[in-house]
Amino acid sequence: MSLDIVESAANLRQYGRIEFQLIGQNSIQETAPLDDTNIWQYIETVQPERQRQEHFCQKVFSTVIKIIVFTDTILTSLVPNFLSKLFRSQDIDIIEHWNEESFFQSINPDDSITHFIIINSRRKVENLVNRVHSRQNIQAMYLHCETKALKYQRRLARNYSKLDAVYDDSLRLLVKLIMDIALFCEETADRQKAYAPLKKAAYRNYQRSIDLYAFAETMV
């Protein structure tokens, strides 16, 4: 998301000030006269702030969603094909990993993608959860396990705020996932609609939310 910023030396001299605007905030103006001795110093001051503001906007308003699945149990997908098609129709990527390291590497802590994580495992998963739980771009985590491990895994989940649900039933887990993504899209749209340049994105997210809620109802 770009910020409108007067940043060329020629324009700065012409306007005699620095002016930039972050969507949703009042413009910040510097009215002190600029000349050849201080103009580049001012630019060097403004540019890092611009980058920080852009990063903030991207974090707050980005609606790029990715579902990442890790499984060490079977070499078939936990997510059926019809659900993969649903997610793709909503511009939601879904990636599955059977290797721990590739799973960890696929979650870049510095990007603005919102991640929903599913762990499908027959063994203790505390190490897996520990390694990714603190990453800011993880919205929620879900654990699928065998019935006999359910009590232990649910006890583990109490220690992790993002470990949102533990199931031995894949259908219930997937319905929960869809409902959570629908709610995320709705809440994001609520934030976006206040900003004129983001009204189109807000509409898209409301429609995403409606479609996902409707689909979840057909699964229960």
C-alpha atoms as a PDB file:
ATOM      1  CA  MET A   1       0.000   0.000   0.000  1.00  0.00           C
ATOM      2  CA  SER A   2       1.649   3.231  -1.087  1.00  0.00           C
ATOM      3  CA  LEU A   3       1.916   6.502   0.758  1.00  0.00           C
ATOM      4  CA  ASP A   4       1.623   9.798  -1.133  1.00  0.00           C
ATOM      5  CA  ILE A   5       4.903  11.517  -0.475  1.00  0.00           C
ATOM      6  CA  VAL A   6       6.638  14.516  -2.032  1.00  0.00           C
ATOM      7  CA  GLU A   7      10.142  13.175  -2.252  1.00  0.00           C
ATOM      8  CA  SER A   8      12.094  14.616  -5.171  1.00  0.00           C
ATOM      9  CA  ALA A   9      14.463  17.488  -4.495  1.00  0.00           C
ATOM     10  CA  ALA A  10      12.858  19.618  -7.203  1.00  0.00           C
ATOM     11  CA  ASN A  11       9.377  19.206  -5.777  1.00  0.00           C
ATOM     12  CA  LEU A  12      10.614  19.823  -2.262  1.00  0.00           C
ATOM     13  CA  ARG A  13      12.117  23.139  -3.311  1.00  0.00           C
ATOM     14  CA  GLN A  14       8.960  24.052  -5.198  1.00  0.00           C
ATOM     15  CA  TYR A  15       6.655  23.311  -2.273  1.00  0.00           C
ATOM     16  CA  GLY A  16       9.120  24.528   0.353  1.00  0.00           C
ATOM     17  CA  ARG A  17       7.994  21.739   2.674  1.00  0.00           C
ATOM     18  CA  ILE A  18       7.722  17.973   3.128  1.00  0.00           C
ATOM     19  CA  GLU A  19       4.236  16.531   3.070  1.00  0.00           C
ATOM     20  CA  PHE A  20       3.155  12.931   3.243  1.00  0.00           C
ATOM     21  CA  GLN A  21      -0.068  11.220   4.100  1.00  0.00           C
ATOM     22  CA  LEU A  22      -0.868   7.846   5.598  1.00  0.00           C
ATOM     23  CA  ILE A  23      -4.316   6.553   4.718  1.00  0.00           C
ATOM     24  CA  GLY A  24      -6.586   7.134   7.679  1.00  0.00           C
ATOM     25  CA  GLN A  25      -4.312   9.656   9.398  1.00  0.00           C
ATOM     26  CA  ASN A  26      -3.895  13.401   9.029  1.00  0.00           C
ATOM     27  CA  SER A  27      -1.126  14.541   6.764  1.00  0.00           C
ATOM     28  CA  ILE A  28       2.109  15.501   8.464  1.00  0.00           C
ATOM     29  CA  GLN A  29       3.578  18.732   7.177  1.00  0.00           C
ATOM     30  CA  GLU A  30       6.957  20.343   7.647  1.00  0.00           C
ATOM     31  CA  THR A  31       6.770  24.053   6.879  1.00  0.00           C
ATOM     32  CA  ALA A  32      10.412  25.004   7.500  1.00  0.00           C
ATOM     33  CA  PRO A  33      12.110  26.267   4.322  1.00  0.00           C
ATOM     34  CA  LEU A  34      14.350  23.749   2.580  1.00  0.00           C
ATOM     35  CA  ASP A  35      17.529  24.520   0.714  1.00  0.00           C
ATOM     36  CA  ASP A  36      20.423  22.598  -0.812  1.00  0.00           C
ATOM     37  CA  THR A  37      22.066  22.119   2.576  1.00  0.00           C
ATOM     38  CA  ASN A  38      19.197  20.472   4.400  1.00  0.00           C
ATOM     39  CA  ILE A  39      16.953  18.993   1.726  1.00  0.00           C
ATOM     40  CA  TRP A  40      18.717  15.618   1.443  1.00  0.00           C
ATOM     41  CA  GLN A  41      19.085  15.345   5.203  1.00  0.00           C
ATOM     42  CA  TYR A  42      15.319  15.741   5.461  1.00  0.00           C
ATOM     43  CA  ILE A  43      14.704  13.094   2.816  1.00  0.00           C
ATOM     44  CA  GLU A  44      16.937  10.667   4.710  1.00  0.00           C
ATOM     45  CA  THR A  45      14.838  11.316   7.820  1.00  0.00           C
ATOM     46  CA  VAL A  46      11.493  10.860   6.092  1.00  0.00           C
ATOM     47  CA  GLN A  47      12.240   7.730   4.075  1.00  0.00           C
ATOM     48  CA  PRO A  48      12.699   5.325   7.058  1.00  0.00           C
ATOM     49  CA  GLU A  49       9.458   6.664   8.532  1.00  0.00           C
ATOM     50  CA  ARG A  50       7.720   6.053   5.234  1.00  0.00           C
ATOM     51  CA  GLN A  51       8.956   2.480   5.175  1.00  0.00           C
ATOM     52  CA  ARG A  52       7.799   1.950   8.755  1.00  0.00           C
ATOM     53  CA  GLN A  53       4.341   3.323   7.958  1.00  0.00           C
ATOM     54  CA  GLU A  54       4.046   1.188   4.839  1.00  0.00           C
ATOM     55  CA  HIS A  55       4.980  -1.894   6.857  1.00  0.00           C
ATOM     56  CA  PHE A  56       2.338  -0.968   9.433  1.00  0.00           C
ATOM     57  CA  CYS A  57      -0.335  -0.585   6.745  1.00  0.00           C
ATOM     58  CA  GLN A  58       0.618  -3.875   5.190  1.00  0.00           C
ATOM     59  CA  LYS A  59       0.358  -5.664   8.533  1.00  0.00           C
ATOM     60  CA  VAL A  60      -2.985  -4.110   9.437  1.00  0.00           C
ATOM     61  CA  PHE A  61      -4.766  -4.244   6.109  1.00  0.00           C
ATOM     62  CA  SER A  62      -3.196  -7.091   4.164  1.00  0.00           C
ATOM     63  CA  THR A  63      -5.702  -9.858   3.455  1.00  0.00           C
ATOM     64  CA  VAL A  64      -3.376 -12.376   1.880  1.00  0.00           C
ATOM     65  CA  ILE A  65      -4.212 -15.672   3.593  1.00  0.00           C
ATOM     66  CA  LYS A  66      -2.321 -18.926   3.523  1.00  0.00           C
ATOM     67  CA  ILE A  67      -3.203 -22.292   5.070  1.00  0.00           C
ATOM     68  CA  ILE A  68      -0.198 -24.447   5.883  1.00  0.00           C
ATOM     69  CA  VAL A  69      -0.656 -28.104   6.775  1.00  0.00           C
ATOM     70  CA  PHE A  70       2.006 -30.286   8.343  1.00  0.00           C
ATOM     71  CA  THR A  71       1.399 -34.012   8.554  1.00  0.00           C
ATOM     72  CA  ASP A  72       3.615 -36.921   9.567  1.00  0.00           C
ATOM     73  CA  THR A  73       0.923 -39.581   9.534  1.00  0.00           C
ATOM     74  CA  ILE A  74      -0.151 -40.403   5.999  1.00  0.00           C
ATOM     75  CA  LEU A  75       0.856 -39.375   2.524  1.00  0.00           C
ATOM     76  CA  THR A  76      -2.648 -38.311   1.595  1.00  0.00           C
ATOM     77  CA  SER A  77      -4.095 -34.868   2.074  1.00  0.00           C
ATOM     78  CA  LEU A  78      -5.996 -33.966   5.242  1.00  0.00           C
ATOM     79  CA  VAL A  79      -7.832 -31.343   3.185  1.00  0.00           C
ATOM     80  CA  PRO A  80     -10.122 -32.902   0.543  1.00  0.00           C
ATOM     81  CA  ASN A  81     -10.017 -31.678  -3.021  1.00  0.00           C
ATOM     82  CA  PHE A  82     -13.378 -29.905  -2.874  1.00  0.00           C
ATOM     83  CA  LEU A  83     -12.146 -27.780   0.019  1.00  0.00           C
ATOM     84  CA  SER A  84      -8.916 -26.955  -1.780  1.00  0.00           C
ATOM     85  CA  LYS A  85     -11.037 -25.685  -4.679  1.00  0.00           C
ATOM     86  CA  LEU A  86     -13.115 -23.587  -2.294  1.00  0.00           C
ATOM     87  CA  PHE A  87     -10.033 -21.958  -0.797  1.00  0.00           C
ATOM     88  CA  ARG A  88      -8.535 -21.283  -4.211  1.00  0.00           C
ATOM     89  CA  SER A  89     -11.794 -19.647  -5.325  1.00  0.00           C
ATOM     90  CA  GLN A  90     -11.352 -17.249  -2.394  1.00  0.00           C
ATOM     91  CA  ASP A  91      -7.694 -16.523  -3.241  1.00  0.00           C
ATOM     92  CA  ILE A  92      -6.498 -18.534  -0.242  1.00  0.00           C
ATOM     93  CA  ASP A  93      -3.389 -20.621  -0.791  1.00  0.00           C
ATOM     94  CA  ILE A  94      -3.093 -24.026   0.856  1.00  0.00           C
ATOM     95  CA  ILE A  95       0.274 -25.762   1.131  1.00  0.00           C
ATOM     96  CA  GLU A  96       0.977 -29.170   2.664  1.00  0.00           C
ATOM     97  CA  HIS A  97       4.280 -30.393   4.078  1.00  0.00           C
ATOM     98  CA  TRP A  98       5.480 -33.794   5.181  1.00  0.00           C
ATOM     99  CA  ASN A  99       8.921 -32.521   6.171  1.00  0.00           C
ATOM    100  CA  GLU A 100       9.424 -30.449   9.337  1.00  0.00           C
ATOM    101  CA  GLU A 101      12.109 -28.156   7.979  1.00  0.00           C
ATOM    102  CA  SER A 102      10.176 -27.303   4.830  1.00  0.00           C
ATOM    103  CA  PHE A 103       7.183 -26.617   7.057  1.00  0.00           C
ATOM    104  CA  PHE A 104       9.167 -24.175   9.222  1.00  0.00           C
ATOM    105  CA  GLN A 105      10.769 -22.476   6.223  1.00  0.00           C
ATOM    106  CA  SER A 106       7.396 -21.887   4.578  1.00  0.00           C
ATOM    107  CA  ILE A 107       6.331 -19.565   7.409  1.00  0.00           C
ATOM    108  CA  ASN A 108       8.298 -16.384   6.858  1.00  0.00           C
ATOM    109  CA  PRO A 109       8.033 -14.348  10.090  1.00  0.00           C
ATOM    110  CA  ASP A 110       8.693 -11.095   8.211  1.00  0.00           C
ATOM    111  CA  ASP A 111       5.996 -11.221   5.563  1.00  0.00           C
ATOM    112  CA  SER A 112       2.477  -9.810   5.842  1.00  0.00           C
ATOM    113  CA  ILE A 113       0.681 -13.035   4.942  1.00  0.00           C
ATOM    114  CA  THR A 114      -1.786 -14.240   7.557  1.00  0.00           C
ATOM    115  CA  HIS A 115      -1.200 -17.922   8.288  1.00  0.00           C
ATOM    116  CA  PHE A 116      -3.600 -20.558   9.552  1.00  0.00           C
ATOM    117  CA  ILE A 117      -1.662 -23.663  10.604  1.00  0.00           C
ATOM    118  CA  ILE A 118      -2.879 -27.265  10.782  1.00  0.00           C
ATOM    119  CA  ILE A 119      -0.696 -29.911  12.431  1.00  0.00           C
ATOM    120  CA  ASN A 120      -1.723 -33.509  11.773  1.00  0.00           C
ATOM    121  CA  SER A 121       0.474 -35.744  13.882  1.00  0.00           C
ATOM    122  CA  ARG A 122       0.515 -39.022  15.800  1.00  0.00           C
ATOM    123  CA  ARG A 123       3.340 -37.947  18.053  1.00  0.00           C
ATOM    124  CA  LYS A 124       3.984 -35.167  20.548  1.00  0.00           C
ATOM    125  CA  VAL A 125       3.884 -31.824  18.796  1.00  0.00           C
ATOM    126  CA  GLU A 126       5.140 -29.458  21.490  1.00  0.00           C
ATOM    127  CA  ASN A 127       8.397 -28.836  19.641  1.00  0.00           C
ATOM    128  CA  LEU A 128       6.548 -27.991  16.426  1.00  0.00           C
ATOM    129  CA  VAL A 129       4.218 -25.611  18.209  1.00  0.00           C
ATOM    130  CA  ASN A 130       7.043 -23.971  20.164  1.00  0.00           C
ATOM    131  CA  ARG A 131       8.991 -23.141  17.028  1.00  0.00           C
ATOM    132  CA  VAL A 132       6.216 -21.249  15.266  1.00  0.00           C
ATOM    133  CA  HIS A 133       3.707 -20.111  17.876  1.00  0.00           C
ATOM    134  CA  SER A 134       5.340 -16.749  18.593  1.00  0.00           C
ATOM    135  CA  ARG A 135       5.388 -15.614  14.955  1.00  0.00           C
ATOM    136  CA  GLN A 136       3.213 -12.553  14.612  1.00  0.00           C
ATOM    137  CA  ASN A 137       1.725 -13.512  11.256  1.00  0.00           C
ATOM    138  CA  ILE A 138       0.171 -16.733  12.551  1.00  0.00           C
ATOM    139  CA  GLN A 139      -3.507 -16.149  13.226  1.00  0.00           C
ATOM    140  CA  ALA A 140      -4.454 -19.590  14.564  1.00  0.00           C
ATOM    141  CA  MET A 141      -3.229 -23.166  14.859  1.00  0.00           C
ATOM    142  CA  TYR A 142      -5.227 -26.393  14.783  1.00  0.00           C
ATOM    143  CA  LEU A 143      -4.192 -29.854  15.865  1.00  0.00           C
ATOM    144  CA  HIS A 144      -5.522 -33.128  14.474  1.00  0.00           C
ATOM    145  CA  CYS A 145      -4.580 -36.239  16.422  1.00  0.00           C
ATOM    146  CA  GLU A 146      -5.697 -39.752  17.296  1.00  0.00           C
ATOM    147  CA  THR A 147      -8.500 -40.165  19.814  1.00  0.00           C
ATOM    148  CA  LYS A 148      -6.204 -41.754  22.390  1.00  0.00           C
ATOM    149  CA  ALA A 149      -3.960 -38.657  22.321  1.00  0.00           C
ATOM    150  CA  LEU A 150      -6.811 -36.162  22.539  1.00  0.00           C
ATOM    151  CA  LYS A 151      -6.671 -35.571  26.298  1.00  0.00           C
ATOM    152  CA  TYR A 152      -2.913 -34.952  26.306  1.00  0.00           C
ATOM    153  CA  GLN A 153      -2.991 -32.657  23.267  1.00  0.00           C
ATOM    154  CA  ARG A 154      -5.857 -30.598  24.662  1.00  0.00           C
ATOM    155  CA  ARG A 155      -3.937 -30.161  27.901  1.00  0.00           C
ATOM    156  CA  LEU A 156      -0.981 -28.976  25.843  1.00  0.00           C
ATOM    157  CA  ALA A 157      -3.161 -26.498  23.950  1.00  0.00           C
ATOM    158  CA  ARG A 158      -3.942 -24.614  27.158  1.00  0.00           C
ATOM    159  CA  ASN A 159      -0.374 -23.307  27.147  1.00  0.00           C
ATOM    160  CA  TYR A 160      -0.643 -21.759  23.666  1.00  0.00           C
ATOM    161  CA  SER A 161      -3.144 -19.011  22.920  1.00  0.00           C
ATOM    162  CA  LYS A 162      -3.012 -19.562  19.170  1.00  0.00           C
ATOM    163  CA  LEU A 163      -3.525 -23.324  19.381  1.00  0.00           C
ATOM    164  CA  ASP A 164      -7.191 -22.757  18.856  1.00  0.00           C
ATOM    165  CA  ALA A 165      -8.616 -26.253  18.567  1.00  0.00           C
ATOM    166  CA  VAL A 166      -7.656 -29.905  18.995  1.00  0.00           C
ATOM    167  CA  TYR A 167      -9.742 -32.551  17.238  1.00  0.00           C
ATOM    168  CA  ASP A 168      -9.690 -36.227  16.414  1.00  0.00           C
ATOM    169  CA  ASP A 169     -12.344 -35.551  13.763  1.00  0.00           C
ATOM    170  CA  SER A 170     -10.988 -33.912  10.612  1.00  0.00           C
ATOM    171  CA  LEU A 171     -14.427 -32.658   9.517  1.00  0.00           C
ATOM    172  CA  ARG A 172     -14.955 -30.701  12.729  1.00  0.00           C
ATOM    173  CA  LEU A 173     -11.470 -29.255  12.443  1.00  0.00           C
ATOM    174  CA  LEU A 174     -12.032 -28.102   8.879  1.00  0.00           C
ATOM    175  CA  VAL A 175     -15.401 -26.526   9.703  1.00  0.00           C
ATOM    176  CA  LYS A 176     -13.721 -24.630  12.546  1.00  0.00           C
ATOM    177  CA  LEU A 177     -10.961 -23.506  10.169  1.00  0.00           C
ATOM    178  CA  ILE A 178     -13.435 -22.205   7.584  1.00  0.00           C
ATOM    179  CA  MET A 179     -15.462 -20.341  10.211  1.00  0.00           C
ATOM    180  CA  ASP A 180     -12.328 -18.740  11.660  1.00  0.00           C
ATOM    181  CA  ILE A 181     -11.127 -17.560   8.245  1.00  0.00           C
ATOM    182  CA  ALA A 182     -14.598 -16.181   7.511  1.00  0.00           C
ATOM    183  CA  LEU A 183     -14.513 -14.223  10.779  1.00  0.00           C
ATOM    184  CA  PHE A 184     -11.001 -12.944  10.019  1.00  0.00           C
ATOM    185  CA  CYS A 185     -12.171 -11.672   6.606  1.00  0.00           C
ATOM    186  CA  GLU A 186     -15.210 -10.004   8.182  1.00  0.00           C
ATOM    187  CA  GLU A 187     -13.159  -8.249  10.863  1.00  0.00           C
ATOM    188  CA  THR A 188     -10.602  -7.113   8.291  1.00  0.00           C
ATOM    189  CA  ALA A 189     -13.385  -5.690   6.123  1.00  0.00           C
ATOM    190  CA  ASP A 190     -14.769  -3.827   9.146  1.00  0.00           C
ATOM    191  CA  ARG A 191     -11.407  -2.059   9.466  1.00  0.00           C
ATOM    192  CA  GLN A 192     -11.028  -1.410   5.752  1.00  0.00           C
ATOM    193  CA  LYS A 193     -14.447   0.108   5.077  1.00  0.00           C
ATOM    194  CA  ALA A 194     -13.549   3.286   6.969  1.00  0.00           C
ATOM    195  CA  TYR A 195     -10.922   4.151   4.353  1.00  0.00           C
ATOM    196  CA  ALA A 196     -12.140   5.231   0.941  1.00  0.00           C
ATOM    197  CA  PRO A 197      -9.232   3.688  -1.024  1.00  0.00           C
ATOM    198  CA  LEU A 198      -9.931   0.333   0.663  1.00  0.00           C
ATOM    199  CA  LYS A 199     -13.683   0.103   0.097  1.00  0.00           C
ATOM    200  CA  LYS A 200     -13.230  -2.308  -2.805  1.00  0.00           C
ATOM    201  CA  ALA A 201     -11.002  -4.538  -0.682  1.00  0.00           C
ATOM    202  CA  ALA A 202     -13.554  -4.364   2.138  1.00  0.00           C
ATOM    203  CA  TYR A 203     -16.331  -5.469  -0.209  1.00  0.00           C
ATOM    204  CA  ARG A 204     -14.197  -8.371  -1.380  1.00  0.00           C
ATOM    205  CA  ASN A 205     -13.547  -9.475   2.186  1.00  0.00           C
ATOM    206  CA  TYR A 206     -17.211  -9.239   3.151  1.00  0.00           C
ATOM    207  CA  GLN A 207     -18.050 -11.409   0.140  1.00  0.00           C
ATOM    208  CA  ARG A 208     -15.310 -13.867   1.104  1.00  0.00           C
ATOM    209  CA  SER A 209     -16.784 -14.062   4.585  1.00  0.00           C
ATOM    210  CA  ILE A 210     -20.327 -14.663   3.320  1.00  0.00           C
ATOM    211  CA  ASP A 211     -19.180 -17.408   0.940  1.00  0.00           C
ATOM    212  CA  LEU A 212     -17.146 -19.197   3.602  1.00  0.00           C
ATOM    213  CA  TYR A 213     -19.872 -19.026   6.243  1.00  0.00           C
ATOM    214  CA  ALA A 214     -22.391 -20.393   3.726  1.00  0.00           C
ATOM    215  CA  PHE A 215     -20.095 -23.258   2.758  1.00  0.00           C
ATOM    216  CA  ALA A 216     -19.414 -24.165   6.392  1.00  0.00           C
ATOM    217  CA  GLU A 217     -23.146 -24.496   6.992  1.00  0.00           C
ATOM    218  CA  THR A 218     -23.374 -27.157   4.291  1.00  0.00           C
ATOM    219  CA  MET A 219     -20.777 -29.254   6.130  1.00  0.00           C
ATOM    220  CA  VAL A 220     -22.549 -29.499   9.496  1.00  0.00           C
END
